[in-house]
N, C-alpha and C. Protein backbone atom coordinates (compact mmCIF):
# COMPACT_ATOMS: atom_id res chain seq x y z
N UNK A 1 0.81 -1.19 0.00
CA UNK A 1 0.00 0.00 0.00
C UNK A 1 0.86 1.26 0.00
N UNK A 2 1.92 1.28 0.77
CA UNK A 2 2.81 2.45 0.83
C UNK A 2 3.48 2.67 -0.52
N UNK A 3 3.90 1.60 -1.18
CA UNK A 3 4.54 1.72 -2.48
C UNK A 3 3.58 2.36 -3.48
N UNK A 4 2.33 1.93 -3.47
CA UNK A 4 1.34 2.51 -4.38
C UNK A 4 1.16 4.00 -4.13
N UNK A 5 1.10 4.40 -2.87
CA UNK A 5 0.96 5.81 -2.52
C UNK A 5 2.16 6.61 -2.99
N UNK A 6 3.37 6.08 -2.80
CA UNK A 6 4.57 6.77 -3.26
C UNK A 6 4.57 6.88 -4.78
N UNK A 7 4.15 5.83 -5.45
CA UNK A 7 4.08 5.86 -6.91
C UNK A 7 3.07 6.92 -7.36
N UNK A 8 1.93 7.02 -6.66
CA UNK A 8 0.92 8.01 -7.00
C UNK A 8 1.46 9.43 -6.81
N UNK A 9 2.17 9.67 -5.69
CA UNK A 9 2.75 10.99 -5.44
C UNK A 9 3.76 11.33 -6.52
N UNK A 10 4.61 10.36 -6.89
CA UNK A 10 5.60 10.57 -7.94
C UNK A 10 4.91 10.88 -9.27
N UNK A 11 3.86 10.15 -9.60
CA UNK A 11 3.10 10.40 -10.83
C UNK A 11 2.49 11.79 -10.82
N UNK A 12 1.91 12.20 -9.69
CA UNK A 12 1.33 13.54 -9.58
C UNK A 12 2.40 14.61 -9.76
N UNK A 13 3.57 14.41 -9.16
CA UNK A 13 4.65 15.38 -9.29
C UNK A 13 5.13 15.48 -10.74
N UNK A 14 5.24 14.35 -11.43
CA UNK A 14 5.64 14.38 -12.83
C UNK A 14 4.61 15.12 -13.67
N UNK A 15 3.33 14.86 -13.39
CA UNK A 15 2.26 15.55 -14.12
C UNK A 15 2.33 17.06 -13.87
N UNK A 16 2.57 17.46 -12.63
CA UNK A 16 2.67 18.88 -12.30
C UNK A 16 3.87 19.51 -13.00
N UNK A 17 4.99 18.80 -13.06
CA UNK A 17 6.18 19.32 -13.73
C UNK A 17 5.94 19.50 -15.22
N UNK A 18 5.16 18.63 -15.83
CA UNK A 18 4.87 18.74 -17.25
C UNK A 18 4.10 20.02 -17.58
N UNK A 19 3.40 20.58 -16.62
CA UNK A 19 2.60 21.77 -16.88
C UNK A 19 3.33 23.06 -16.52
N UNK A 20 4.64 22.96 -16.21
CA UNK A 20 5.41 24.14 -15.85
C UNK A 20 6.62 24.26 -16.78
N UNK A 21 6.83 25.46 -17.31
CA UNK A 21 7.99 25.73 -18.15
C UNK A 21 9.19 26.00 -17.27
N UNK A 22 10.38 25.74 -17.79
CA UNK A 22 11.61 25.93 -17.01
C UNK A 22 11.99 27.40 -16.85
N UNK A 23 11.53 28.27 -17.74
CA UNK A 23 11.94 29.66 -17.62
C UNK A 23 10.98 30.49 -16.78
N UNK A 24 11.29 31.73 -16.60
CA UNK A 24 10.55 32.62 -15.70
C UNK A 24 9.28 33.14 -16.37
N UNK A 25 8.23 33.30 -15.59
CA UNK A 25 6.95 33.80 -16.07
C UNK A 25 7.07 35.19 -16.68
N UNK A 26 6.28 35.42 -17.72
CA UNK A 26 6.18 36.75 -18.31
C UNK A 26 5.19 37.62 -17.55
N UNK A 27 4.53 37.03 -16.57
CA UNK A 27 3.52 37.76 -15.79
C UNK A 27 4.09 38.11 -14.42
N UNK A 28 4.13 39.39 -14.13
CA UNK A 28 4.61 39.84 -12.83
C UNK A 28 3.51 39.78 -11.78
N UNK A 29 2.32 40.20 -12.18
CA UNK A 29 1.22 40.27 -11.23
C UNK A 29 -0.11 40.20 -11.97
N UNK A 30 -1.13 39.65 -11.30
CA UNK A 30 -2.46 39.61 -11.88
C UNK A 30 -3.47 39.96 -10.80
N UNK A 31 -4.42 40.83 -11.15
CA UNK A 31 -5.52 41.17 -10.25
C UNK A 31 -6.81 40.70 -10.90
N UNK A 32 -7.68 40.12 -10.10
CA UNK A 32 -8.91 39.53 -10.59
C UNK A 32 -10.09 40.27 -9.97
N UNK A 33 -10.99 40.76 -10.82
CA UNK A 33 -12.20 41.45 -10.38
C UNK A 33 -13.40 40.77 -11.03
N UNK A 34 -14.55 40.85 -10.38
CA UNK A 34 -15.79 40.30 -10.94
C UNK A 34 -16.82 41.40 -11.02
N UNK A 35 -17.69 41.31 -12.01
CA UNK A 35 -18.76 42.28 -12.13
C UNK A 35 -19.90 41.73 -12.95
N UNK A 36 -21.10 42.10 -12.59
CA UNK A 36 -22.28 41.62 -13.29
C UNK A 36 -22.69 42.63 -14.36
N UNK A 37 -22.86 42.11 -15.58
CA UNK A 37 -23.36 42.91 -16.69
C UNK A 37 -24.56 42.17 -17.24
N UNK A 38 -25.74 42.73 -17.06
CA UNK A 38 -26.96 42.02 -17.44
C UNK A 38 -27.10 40.78 -16.56
N UNK A 39 -27.23 39.63 -17.21
CA UNK A 39 -27.35 38.38 -16.46
C UNK A 39 -26.02 37.66 -16.30
N UNK A 40 -25.00 38.17 -16.95
CA UNK A 40 -23.69 37.50 -16.93
C UNK A 40 -22.79 38.05 -15.83
N UNK A 41 -22.03 37.16 -15.21
CA UNK A 41 -21.04 37.54 -14.21
C UNK A 41 -19.68 37.52 -14.89
N UNK A 42 -19.24 38.67 -15.37
CA UNK A 42 -17.97 38.79 -16.08
C UNK A 42 -16.81 38.84 -15.12
N UNK A 43 -15.71 38.26 -15.56
CA UNK A 43 -14.47 38.27 -14.79
C UNK A 43 -13.48 39.17 -15.53
N UNK A 44 -12.80 40.01 -14.78
CA UNK A 44 -11.78 40.89 -15.35
C UNK A 44 -10.45 40.53 -14.72
N UNK A 45 -9.45 40.31 -15.56
CA UNK A 45 -8.11 39.98 -15.10
C UNK A 45 -7.16 41.06 -15.61
N UNK A 46 -6.60 41.85 -14.71
CA UNK A 46 -5.62 42.86 -15.06
C UNK A 46 -4.24 42.26 -14.86
N UNK A 47 -3.47 42.21 -15.93
CA UNK A 47 -2.19 41.51 -15.92
C UNK A 47 -1.06 42.52 -16.15
N UNK A 48 -0.12 42.54 -15.21
CA UNK A 48 1.08 43.35 -15.33
C UNK A 48 2.20 42.43 -15.80
N UNK A 49 2.75 42.73 -16.96
CA UNK A 49 3.79 41.89 -17.53
C UNK A 49 5.14 42.19 -16.91
N UNK A 50 5.98 41.20 -16.84
CA UNK A 50 7.33 41.34 -16.27
C UNK A 50 8.31 41.64 -17.40
N UNK A 51 7.98 42.59 -18.23
CA UNK A 51 8.81 42.95 -19.38
C UNK A 51 8.74 44.45 -19.59
N UNK A 52 9.48 44.92 -20.54
CA UNK A 52 9.44 46.35 -20.83
C UNK A 52 8.11 46.71 -21.50
N UNK A 53 7.72 47.99 -21.44
CA UNK A 53 6.47 48.39 -22.10
C UNK A 53 6.52 48.08 -23.60
N UNK A 54 5.37 47.81 -24.17
CA UNK A 54 5.30 47.53 -25.59
C UNK A 54 4.53 48.64 -26.28
N UNK A 55 4.74 48.76 -27.59
CA UNK A 55 4.12 49.81 -28.37
C UNK A 55 3.01 49.31 -29.26
N UNK A 56 2.49 50.20 -30.06
CA UNK A 56 1.33 49.94 -30.90
C UNK A 56 1.55 48.78 -31.87
N UNK A 57 2.69 48.76 -32.55
CA UNK A 57 2.95 47.69 -33.52
C UNK A 57 2.94 46.32 -32.86
N UNK A 58 3.50 46.22 -31.66
CA UNK A 58 3.50 44.96 -30.92
C UNK A 58 2.08 44.56 -30.54
N UNK A 59 1.27 45.53 -30.14
CA UNK A 59 -0.12 45.25 -29.77
C UNK A 59 -0.89 44.70 -30.97
N UNK A 60 -0.74 45.34 -32.11
CA UNK A 60 -1.44 44.90 -33.32
C UNK A 60 -0.94 43.52 -33.72
N UNK A 61 0.36 43.29 -33.60
CA UNK A 61 0.93 41.99 -33.94
C UNK A 61 0.39 40.88 -33.03
N UNK A 62 0.26 41.15 -31.72
CA UNK A 62 -0.32 40.16 -30.81
C UNK A 62 -1.79 39.90 -31.13
N UNK A 63 -2.53 40.95 -31.47
CA UNK A 63 -3.93 40.78 -31.86
C UNK A 63 -4.04 39.93 -33.12
N UNK A 64 -3.17 40.17 -34.08
CA UNK A 64 -3.17 39.39 -35.32
C UNK A 64 -2.81 37.94 -35.04
N UNK A 65 -1.91 37.72 -34.10
CA UNK A 65 -1.56 36.35 -33.72
C UNK A 65 -2.78 35.63 -33.15
N UNK A 66 -3.51 36.29 -32.24
CA UNK A 66 -4.73 35.69 -31.67
C UNK A 66 -5.77 35.41 -32.76
N UNK A 67 -5.88 36.33 -33.70
CA UNK A 67 -6.82 36.18 -34.81
C UNK A 67 -6.59 34.85 -35.53
N UNK A 68 -5.36 34.49 -35.75
CA UNK A 68 -5.08 33.26 -36.50
C UNK A 68 -4.88 32.04 -35.61
N UNK A 69 -4.38 32.23 -34.38
CA UNK A 69 -3.99 31.08 -33.56
C UNK A 69 -5.07 30.61 -32.59
N UNK A 70 -6.00 31.48 -32.21
CA UNK A 70 -6.95 31.07 -31.17
C UNK A 70 -8.40 31.47 -31.42
N UNK A 71 -8.66 32.59 -32.03
CA UNK A 71 -10.04 33.06 -32.16
C UNK A 71 -10.72 32.44 -33.38
N UNK A 72 -11.91 31.88 -33.17
CA UNK A 72 -12.72 31.37 -34.28
C UNK A 72 -13.25 32.54 -35.11
N UNK A 73 -13.73 33.52 -34.42
CA UNK A 73 -14.32 34.70 -35.06
C UNK A 73 -14.06 35.90 -34.16
N UNK A 74 -13.86 37.04 -34.76
CA UNK A 74 -13.69 38.27 -33.98
C UNK A 74 -15.03 38.98 -33.96
N UNK A 75 -15.55 39.19 -32.74
CA UNK A 75 -16.85 39.82 -32.55
C UNK A 75 -16.74 41.33 -32.32
N UNK A 76 -15.56 41.78 -31.92
CA UNK A 76 -15.42 43.16 -31.49
C UNK A 76 -13.96 43.59 -31.66
N UNK A 77 -13.76 44.76 -32.24
CA UNK A 77 -12.44 45.40 -32.31
C UNK A 77 -12.65 46.85 -31.92
N UNK A 78 -11.91 47.30 -30.93
CA UNK A 78 -12.02 48.70 -30.52
C UNK A 78 -10.62 49.32 -30.45
N UNK A 79 -10.57 50.57 -30.83
CA UNK A 79 -9.38 51.38 -30.59
C UNK A 79 -9.84 52.59 -29.80
N UNK A 80 -8.98 53.09 -28.95
CA UNK A 80 -9.37 54.25 -28.16
C UNK A 80 -8.17 55.12 -27.86
N UNK A 81 -8.49 56.38 -27.59
CA UNK A 81 -7.51 57.35 -27.14
C UNK A 81 -8.23 58.32 -26.22
N UNK A 82 -7.63 59.42 -25.92
CA UNK A 82 -8.25 60.34 -24.97
C UNK A 82 -9.52 61.01 -25.51
N UNK A 83 -9.78 60.86 -26.81
CA UNK A 83 -10.96 61.46 -27.41
C UNK A 83 -12.14 60.51 -27.50
N UNK A 84 -11.93 59.26 -27.18
CA UNK A 84 -13.02 58.30 -27.20
C UNK A 84 -12.64 56.96 -27.78
N UNK A 85 -13.68 56.12 -27.92
CA UNK A 85 -13.48 54.76 -28.40
C UNK A 85 -14.19 54.59 -29.73
N UNK A 86 -13.59 53.80 -30.62
CA UNK A 86 -14.18 53.54 -31.92
C UNK A 86 -14.29 52.03 -32.14
N UNK A 87 -15.48 51.58 -32.51
CA UNK A 87 -15.73 50.17 -32.82
C UNK A 87 -15.45 49.94 -34.30
N UNK A 88 -14.65 48.90 -34.61
CA UNK A 88 -14.21 48.69 -35.98
C UNK A 88 -14.60 47.35 -36.59
N UNK A 89 -15.32 46.51 -35.88
CA UNK A 89 -15.54 45.15 -36.36
C UNK A 89 -16.29 45.10 -37.69
N UNK A 90 -17.24 46.01 -37.92
CA UNK A 90 -18.00 45.98 -39.18
C UNK A 90 -17.10 46.35 -40.36
N UNK A 91 -16.27 47.35 -40.18
CA UNK A 91 -15.32 47.75 -41.23
C UNK A 91 -14.32 46.63 -41.46
N UNK A 92 -13.86 46.02 -40.38
CA UNK A 92 -12.91 44.90 -40.47
C UNK A 92 -13.52 43.73 -41.26
N UNK A 93 -14.75 43.36 -40.94
CA UNK A 93 -15.41 42.25 -41.64
C UNK A 93 -15.59 42.54 -43.13
N UNK A 94 -15.84 43.80 -43.49
CA UNK A 94 -16.00 44.17 -44.89
C UNK A 94 -14.65 44.20 -45.62
N UNK A 95 -13.58 44.48 -44.88
CA UNK A 95 -12.26 44.64 -45.52
C UNK A 95 -11.67 43.32 -45.99
N UNK A 96 -12.05 42.22 -45.36
CA UNK A 96 -11.56 40.88 -45.73
C UNK A 96 -10.02 40.77 -45.67
N UNK A 97 -9.39 41.53 -44.78
CA UNK A 97 -7.94 41.43 -44.57
C UNK A 97 -7.69 41.07 -43.11
N UNK A 98 -6.51 40.58 -42.83
CA UNK A 98 -6.14 40.28 -41.45
C UNK A 98 -5.81 41.55 -40.68
N UNK A 99 -5.73 41.44 -39.38
CA UNK A 99 -5.46 42.60 -38.54
C UNK A 99 -4.14 43.29 -38.85
N UNK A 100 -3.11 42.52 -39.25
CA UNK A 100 -1.82 43.14 -39.60
C UNK A 100 -1.92 44.05 -40.81
N UNK A 101 -2.92 43.82 -41.67
CA UNK A 101 -3.10 44.62 -42.89
C UNK A 101 -4.33 45.52 -42.83
N UNK A 102 -4.96 45.59 -41.69
CA UNK A 102 -6.18 46.39 -41.53
C UNK A 102 -5.79 47.86 -41.38
N UNK A 103 -6.16 48.68 -42.37
CA UNK A 103 -5.70 50.07 -42.41
C UNK A 103 -6.16 50.92 -41.22
N UNK A 104 -7.25 50.55 -40.58
CA UNK A 104 -7.74 51.30 -39.42
C UNK A 104 -6.82 51.16 -38.20
N UNK A 105 -5.91 50.17 -38.25
CA UNK A 105 -4.95 49.99 -37.15
C UNK A 105 -3.58 50.57 -37.47
N UNK A 106 -3.47 51.28 -38.59
CA UNK A 106 -2.19 51.86 -38.99
C UNK A 106 -1.80 53.03 -38.10
N UNK A 107 -2.78 53.80 -37.63
CA UNK A 107 -2.50 54.96 -36.79
C UNK A 107 -2.47 54.56 -35.32
N UNK A 108 -1.43 54.97 -34.62
CA UNK A 108 -1.24 54.62 -33.22
C UNK A 108 -2.32 55.23 -32.33
N UNK A 109 -2.83 54.43 -31.42
CA UNK A 109 -3.85 54.85 -30.46
C UNK A 109 -3.41 54.47 -29.05
N UNK A 110 -4.23 54.76 -28.08
CA UNK A 110 -3.90 54.49 -26.68
C UNK A 110 -4.20 53.07 -26.24
N UNK A 111 -5.22 52.45 -26.85
CA UNK A 111 -5.59 51.09 -26.46
C UNK A 111 -6.18 50.36 -27.67
N UNK A 112 -6.00 49.04 -27.65
CA UNK A 112 -6.55 48.18 -28.68
C UNK A 112 -7.22 47.00 -27.99
N UNK A 113 -8.45 46.73 -28.37
CA UNK A 113 -9.17 45.60 -27.80
C UNK A 113 -9.76 44.72 -28.89
N UNK A 114 -9.65 43.40 -28.70
CA UNK A 114 -10.34 42.48 -29.60
C UNK A 114 -11.09 41.46 -28.75
N UNK A 115 -12.21 41.04 -29.26
CA UNK A 115 -13.02 40.04 -28.57
C UNK A 115 -13.49 39.01 -29.55
N UNK A 116 -13.61 37.78 -29.06
CA UNK A 116 -14.09 36.71 -29.90
C UNK A 116 -14.18 35.42 -29.11
N UNK A 117 -14.46 34.36 -29.82
CA UNK A 117 -14.56 33.04 -29.19
C UNK A 117 -13.20 32.37 -29.23
N UNK A 118 -12.67 32.05 -28.05
CA UNK A 118 -11.38 31.37 -27.93
C UNK A 118 -11.58 29.88 -28.12
N UNK A 119 -10.85 29.31 -29.09
CA UNK A 119 -10.89 27.85 -29.27
C UNK A 119 -10.27 27.16 -28.07
N UNK A 120 -9.23 27.74 -27.51
CA UNK A 120 -8.52 27.14 -26.38
C UNK A 120 -9.39 27.07 -25.14
N UNK A 121 -10.07 28.16 -24.82
CA UNK A 121 -10.90 28.23 -23.61
C UNK A 121 -12.34 27.80 -23.87
N UNK A 122 -12.73 27.72 -25.14
CA UNK A 122 -14.10 27.43 -25.53
C UNK A 122 -15.07 28.40 -24.85
N UNK A 123 -14.70 29.67 -24.90
CA UNK A 123 -15.48 30.72 -24.24
C UNK A 123 -15.17 32.05 -24.91
N UNK A 124 -16.06 33.01 -24.75
CA UNK A 124 -15.81 34.36 -25.24
C UNK A 124 -14.73 35.03 -24.39
N UNK A 125 -13.86 35.76 -25.07
CA UNK A 125 -12.75 36.45 -24.40
C UNK A 125 -12.58 37.81 -25.05
N UNK A 126 -12.29 38.80 -24.25
CA UNK A 126 -11.89 40.11 -24.78
C UNK A 126 -10.55 40.45 -24.16
N UNK A 127 -9.60 40.85 -25.00
CA UNK A 127 -8.28 41.25 -24.52
C UNK A 127 -8.04 42.69 -24.94
N UNK A 128 -7.59 43.49 -23.98
CA UNK A 128 -7.30 44.90 -24.24
C UNK A 128 -5.83 45.15 -23.89
N UNK A 129 -5.10 45.71 -24.86
CA UNK A 129 -3.72 46.11 -24.64
C UNK A 129 -3.68 47.62 -24.48
N UNK A 130 -2.83 48.11 -23.61
CA UNK A 130 -2.68 49.55 -23.36
C UNK A 130 -1.30 49.98 -23.85
N UNK A 131 -1.29 50.92 -24.78
CA UNK A 131 -0.08 51.35 -25.46
C UNK A 131 0.96 51.94 -24.48
N UNK A 132 2.20 51.57 -24.70
CA UNK A 132 3.35 52.05 -23.93
C UNK A 132 3.26 51.68 -22.45
N UNK A 133 2.62 50.54 -22.17
CA UNK A 133 2.54 50.05 -20.80
C UNK A 133 2.94 48.58 -20.78
N UNK A 134 2.94 48.01 -19.60
CA UNK A 134 3.19 46.57 -19.44
C UNK A 134 1.90 45.86 -19.05
N UNK A 135 0.75 46.49 -19.30
CA UNK A 135 -0.51 45.94 -18.83
C UNK A 135 -1.40 45.49 -19.97
N UNK A 136 -2.08 44.37 -19.73
CA UNK A 136 -3.16 43.96 -20.59
C UNK A 136 -4.31 43.50 -19.70
N UNK A 137 -5.49 43.53 -20.26
CA UNK A 137 -6.71 43.18 -19.50
C UNK A 137 -7.46 42.11 -20.27
N UNK A 138 -7.91 41.09 -19.54
CA UNK A 138 -8.70 40.02 -20.13
C UNK A 138 -10.07 39.99 -19.46
N UNK A 139 -11.11 39.99 -20.29
CA UNK A 139 -12.49 39.83 -19.83
C UNK A 139 -13.00 38.48 -20.31
N UNK A 140 -13.68 37.74 -19.44
CA UNK A 140 -14.26 36.46 -19.81
C UNK A 140 -15.28 36.05 -18.75
N UNK A 141 -16.05 35.03 -19.04
CA UNK A 141 -16.97 34.47 -18.04
C UNK A 141 -16.26 33.46 -17.14
N UNK A 142 -15.05 33.09 -17.48
CA UNK A 142 -14.30 32.07 -16.74
C UNK A 142 -13.78 32.62 -15.43
N UNK A 143 -14.14 31.96 -14.34
CA UNK A 143 -13.70 32.37 -13.01
C UNK A 143 -12.65 31.37 -12.51
N UNK A 144 -11.45 31.45 -13.10
CA UNK A 144 -10.38 30.51 -12.78
C UNK A 144 -9.04 31.20 -13.04
N UNK A 145 -8.41 31.72 -11.98
CA UNK A 145 -7.17 32.47 -12.14
C UNK A 145 -6.04 31.64 -12.73
N UNK A 146 -5.94 30.38 -12.34
CA UNK A 146 -4.87 29.54 -12.87
C UNK A 146 -5.04 29.33 -14.37
N UNK A 147 -6.25 29.04 -14.81
CA UNK A 147 -6.52 28.84 -16.23
C UNK A 147 -6.23 30.11 -17.02
N UNK A 148 -6.65 31.26 -16.52
CA UNK A 148 -6.42 32.52 -17.23
C UNK A 148 -4.94 32.87 -17.23
N UNK A 149 -4.22 32.55 -16.16
CA UNK A 149 -2.77 32.77 -16.14
C UNK A 149 -2.10 31.93 -17.22
N UNK A 150 -2.50 30.67 -17.34
CA UNK A 150 -1.96 29.80 -18.39
C UNK A 150 -2.29 30.36 -19.77
N UNK A 151 -3.51 30.83 -19.94
CA UNK A 151 -3.94 31.39 -21.21
C UNK A 151 -3.11 32.63 -21.55
N UNK A 152 -2.95 33.53 -20.57
CA UNK A 152 -2.18 34.76 -20.79
C UNK A 152 -0.73 34.44 -21.15
N UNK A 153 -0.13 33.48 -20.46
CA UNK A 153 1.25 33.06 -20.79
C UNK A 153 1.31 32.55 -22.23
N UNK A 154 0.30 31.80 -22.65
CA UNK A 154 0.27 31.26 -24.00
C UNK A 154 0.13 32.37 -25.03
N UNK A 155 -0.69 33.38 -24.73
CA UNK A 155 -0.85 34.53 -25.62
C UNK A 155 0.48 35.28 -25.74
N UNK A 156 1.08 35.59 -24.60
CA UNK A 156 2.31 36.39 -24.59
C UNK A 156 3.46 35.66 -25.27
N UNK A 157 3.58 34.37 -25.00
CA UNK A 157 4.67 33.56 -25.56
C UNK A 157 4.40 33.12 -27.00
N UNK A 158 3.15 33.25 -27.45
CA UNK A 158 2.75 32.81 -28.78
C UNK A 158 2.99 31.32 -28.95
N UNK A 159 2.46 30.55 -28.02
CA UNK A 159 2.70 29.11 -28.04
C UNK A 159 1.44 28.28 -28.30
N UNK A 160 0.40 28.88 -28.88
CA UNK A 160 -0.78 28.09 -29.24
C UNK A 160 -0.34 27.02 -30.23
N UNK A 161 -0.85 25.80 -30.05
CA UNK A 161 -0.54 24.71 -30.96
C UNK A 161 0.81 24.06 -30.74
N UNK A 162 1.51 24.41 -29.67
CA UNK A 162 2.80 23.79 -29.37
C UNK A 162 2.70 22.98 -28.08
N UNK A 163 3.74 22.24 -27.76
CA UNK A 163 3.73 21.47 -26.52
C UNK A 163 3.77 22.36 -25.29
N UNK A 164 4.17 23.61 -25.44
CA UNK A 164 4.22 24.54 -24.31
C UNK A 164 2.93 25.34 -24.13
N UNK A 165 1.95 25.11 -24.98
CA UNK A 165 0.68 25.83 -24.86
C UNK A 165 0.04 25.52 -23.51
N UNK A 166 -0.49 26.53 -22.89
CA UNK A 166 -1.23 26.45 -21.63
C UNK A 166 -0.38 25.90 -20.48
N UNK A 167 0.92 26.16 -20.51
CA UNK A 167 1.79 25.80 -19.40
C UNK A 167 2.17 27.07 -18.65
N UNK A 168 2.29 26.94 -17.36
CA UNK A 168 2.76 28.03 -16.52
C UNK A 168 4.28 28.05 -16.52
N UNK A 169 4.85 29.22 -16.39
CA UNK A 169 6.29 29.35 -16.20
C UNK A 169 6.56 29.57 -14.72
N UNK A 170 7.76 29.30 -14.29
CA UNK A 170 8.11 29.45 -12.87
C UNK A 170 8.05 30.93 -12.50
N UNK A 171 7.51 31.16 -11.31
CA UNK A 171 7.44 32.53 -10.79
C UNK A 171 8.83 32.98 -10.40
N UNK A 172 9.13 34.22 -10.62
CA UNK A 172 10.43 34.79 -10.27
C UNK A 172 10.54 34.86 -8.74
N UNK A 173 11.65 34.45 -8.20
CA UNK A 173 11.83 34.44 -6.74
C UNK A 173 12.63 35.66 -6.29
N UNK A 174 12.07 36.84 -6.54
CA UNK A 174 12.75 38.09 -6.18
C UNK A 174 12.71 38.34 -4.71
């Protein structure tokens, strides 16, 4: 009986190790908030990245990556600055081009948001990047910080469809 228990513990540890990357997490901190909109209880995850601030081109490039690697369909595209927010999904759908070639994203703005159905999470997700910051925000109905942390790491690392998809990286021991 003891041998079986030790074997089970060893198996569990191996399984846990398989879900962790050897390098350091790209996420420094995450805050989780909940809020009700209509009948839905939305979850908001504010993620502070452990990297230097990124700019507009990087934001558009990450959105284009999600467009091809994880989103079945894009339901919402917004750009915003201090003068307001503009919804672009109808123009985007008519343009028949990918986000990297979408002319409405050529001019730098303060924030970029895309929303759609995530194949990985099998749920609606909205991600908002904030220009010249280390922060991104994820909205979803999923109330699971570990799952969203894995998802965010996969987005940041661009590892959808690889063996490292949905794996956590080791937390920095500062």
